[in-house]
Amino acid sequence: MRELRWGSARWFIVNIMLACVYVGAGQLSETLSTLRTQSSPIWAPSGIMVAAVLIFGCKVFPGIFSGNVASNLWYFQKQRLRSCLPASIALGLFSLVESLSCAWLLKHPLCYKNGCFRWQVLLLSFYLPSCLPFFFSVMAFLLLTSMG
């Protein structure tokens, strides 16, 4: 696969298509929810976005972010925009970090030598990327609860 250049026509098309695929897959995943008031336990757009980062590289982050924000705004369409836009942006950042960190973890597997993991590689490739999505999810939760 050829490398995407920032601002090229191919870059715009790929990011717009990824955003559309994210929203479409999100709507299809909503049909798998057990209750209408809850989101789906199987969220297919996350896996699709990790695959997109693995195929196209990190330059597809605008498509991931905008697709997630649009999907969240669609999900919260009965709420006031002022109350759901910050939460949608926070959830979009969480999904972006999740996709990028998962793709990074898949490209950089752990080094296992002499019966143990090297702690530097373990720290950089597992603990640090897994802390960032947790941080964003806590921030999104606090943002949602503060808006009441």
Protein backbone atom coordinates (compact mmCIF):
# COMPACT_ATOMS: atom_id res chain seq x y z
CA MET A 1 0.00 0.00 0.00
CA ARG A 2 1.36 3.40 -0.97
CA GLU A 3 1.98 5.88 1.79
CA LEU A 4 -0.65 8.60 2.30
CA ARG A 5 0.60 12.17 1.93
CA TRP A 6 -0.92 14.85 4.16
CA GLY A 7 -3.45 16.97 2.31
CA SER A 8 -3.48 14.92 -0.90
CA ALA A 9 -6.74 14.02 -2.61
CA ARG A 10 -6.23 10.36 -1.68
CA TRP A 11 -5.72 11.33 1.97
CA PHE A 12 -9.02 13.28 2.01
CA ILE A 13 -10.91 10.46 0.29
CA VAL A 14 -9.54 7.79 2.64
CA ASN A 15 -10.39 9.84 5.74
CA ILE A 16 -13.91 10.67 4.52
CA MET A 17 -14.51 7.02 3.65
CA LEU A 18 -13.23 5.90 7.07
CA ALA A 19 -15.55 8.35 8.81
CA CYS A 20 -18.50 7.03 6.78
CA VAL A 21 -17.52 3.42 7.46
CA TYR A 22 -17.24 4.21 11.18
CA VAL A 23 -20.72 5.74 11.31
CA GLY A 24 -22.22 2.91 9.24
CA ALA A 25 -20.57 0.20 11.31
CA GLY A 26 -21.66 2.01 14.46
CA GLN A 27 -25.27 2.01 13.30
CA LEU A 28 -25.04 -1.69 12.46
CA SER A 29 -23.49 -2.40 15.85
CA GLU A 30 -26.41 -0.64 17.53
CA THR A 31 -28.69 -3.37 16.23
CA LEU A 32 -26.74 -5.83 18.40
CA SER A 33 -27.53 -3.99 21.64
CA THR A 34 -29.61 -5.93 24.13
CA LEU A 35 -31.45 -2.87 25.42
CA ARG A 36 -32.27 0.23 23.42
CA THR A 37 -30.93 2.47 26.18
CA GLN A 38 -27.48 0.86 26.16
CA SER A 39 -24.76 0.70 23.59
CA SER A 40 -23.76 -2.51 21.90
CA PRO A 41 -21.48 -5.03 23.66
CA ILE A 42 -19.84 -5.69 20.27
CA TRP A 43 -18.44 -2.48 18.81
CA ALA A 44 -17.22 -3.34 15.31
CA PRO A 45 -15.92 0.15 14.41
CA SER A 46 -13.04 -0.23 16.88
CA GLY A 47 -11.66 -3.25 15.06
CA ILE A 48 -12.19 -1.62 11.69
CA MET A 49 -10.26 1.45 12.79
CA VAL A 50 -7.34 -0.61 14.14
CA ALA A 51 -7.21 -2.36 10.76
CA ALA A 52 -7.28 1.03 9.00
CA VAL A 53 -4.33 2.26 11.07
CA LEU A 54 -2.43 -0.94 10.30
CA ILE A 55 -3.12 -0.60 6.57
CA PHE A 56 -2.83 3.16 6.01
CA GLY A 57 -0.72 4.30 8.97
CA CYS A 58 -1.36 6.98 11.57
CA LYS A 59 -2.37 9.58 9.00
CA VAL A 60 -5.97 8.35 9.10
CA PHE A 61 -6.59 9.78 12.56
CA PRO A 62 -8.90 12.58 11.29
CA GLY A 63 -11.23 9.98 9.78
CA ILE A 64 -11.27 7.95 12.98
CA PHE A 65 -11.91 10.99 15.16
CA SER A 66 -14.58 12.59 12.96
CA GLY A 67 -16.35 9.25 12.42
CA ASN A 68 -16.49 8.61 16.15
CA VAL A 69 -17.75 12.11 16.94
CA ALA A 70 -20.42 11.83 14.23
CA SER A 71 -21.47 8.39 15.49
CA ASN A 72 -21.75 9.66 19.07
CA LEU A 73 -23.72 12.73 17.98
CA TRP A 74 -26.07 10.45 16.06
CA TYR A 75 -26.47 8.23 19.13
CA PHE A 76 -27.18 11.22 21.42
CA GLN A 77 -29.34 13.06 18.87
CA LYS A 78 -32.23 13.49 21.32
CA GLN A 79 -29.96 15.36 23.75
CA ARG A 80 -29.07 19.03 23.49
CA LEU A 81 -25.98 19.62 21.34
CA ARG A 82 -24.40 21.71 24.08
CA SER A 83 -24.52 18.80 26.49
CA CYS A 84 -23.47 15.99 24.16
CA LEU A 85 -20.79 17.67 22.01
CA PRO A 86 -18.06 17.75 24.69
CA ALA A 87 -18.77 14.14 25.60
CA SER A 88 -18.70 13.13 21.93
CA ILE A 89 -15.34 14.85 21.47
CA ALA A 90 -13.94 13.16 24.59
CA LEU A 91 -15.18 9.76 23.42
CA GLY A 92 -13.71 10.48 19.98
CA LEU A 93 -10.32 11.17 21.56
CA PHE A 94 -10.61 7.95 23.54
CA SER A 95 -11.38 5.95 20.41
CA LEU A 96 -8.53 7.62 18.55
CA VAL A 97 -6.02 6.75 21.25
CA GLU A 98 -7.45 3.24 21.44
CA SER A 99 -7.01 2.64 17.70
CA LEU A 100 -3.53 4.11 17.55
CA SER A 101 -2.29 2.28 20.66
CA CYS A 102 -3.75 -1.07 19.55
CA ALA A 103 -2.12 -0.73 16.14
CA TRP A 104 1.17 0.23 17.78
CA LEU A 105 0.97 -2.80 20.07
CA LEU A 106 0.35 -5.08 17.11
CA LYS A 107 3.34 -3.65 15.25
CA HIS A 108 5.64 -3.87 18.30
CA PRO A 109 5.19 -7.23 20.04
CA LEU A 110 6.75 -7.88 23.43
CA CYS A 111 10.29 -9.23 23.56
CA TYR A 112 10.50 -12.46 25.54
CA LYS A 113 14.07 -13.55 26.19
CA ASN A 114 15.56 -16.01 28.65
CA GLY A 115 12.22 -16.84 30.23
CA CYS A 116 11.18 -13.27 31.10
CA PHE A 117 9.94 -10.07 29.52
CA ARG A 118 12.25 -7.11 29.30
CA TRP A 119 10.69 -4.51 31.59
CA GLN A 120 11.52 -1.55 29.35
CA VAL A 121 9.71 -3.11 26.43
CA LEU A 122 6.85 -4.20 28.68
CA LEU A 123 6.49 -0.68 30.06
CA LEU A 124 6.61 1.05 26.68
CA SER A 125 4.54 -1.42 24.71
CA PHE A 126 1.81 -2.37 27.15
CA TYR A 127 1.41 -0.31 30.29
CA LEU A 128 1.92 3.15 28.82
CA PRO A 129 -0.47 2.76 25.82
CA SER A 130 -3.08 1.05 28.00
CA CYS A 131 -3.03 3.90 30.53
CA LEU A 132 -3.91 6.53 27.95
CA PRO A 133 -7.31 5.09 26.95
CA PHE A 134 -8.12 4.58 30.63
CA PHE A 135 -7.28 8.23 31.28
CA PHE A 136 -9.52 9.38 28.43
CA SER A 137 -12.37 7.14 29.56
CA VAL A 138 -12.17 8.54 33.10
CA MET A 139 -12.15 12.07 31.71
CA ALA A 140 -15.17 11.28 29.50
CA PHE A 141 -17.01 9.79 32.49
CA LEU A 142 -16.28 12.87 34.61
CA LEU A 143 -17.37 15.11 31.78
CA LEU A 144 -20.64 13.21 31.33
CA THR A 145 -21.43 13.18 35.03
CA SER A 146 -20.66 16.87 35.46
CA MET A 147 -23.13 17.78 32.72
CA GLY A 148 -25.82 15.86 34.54
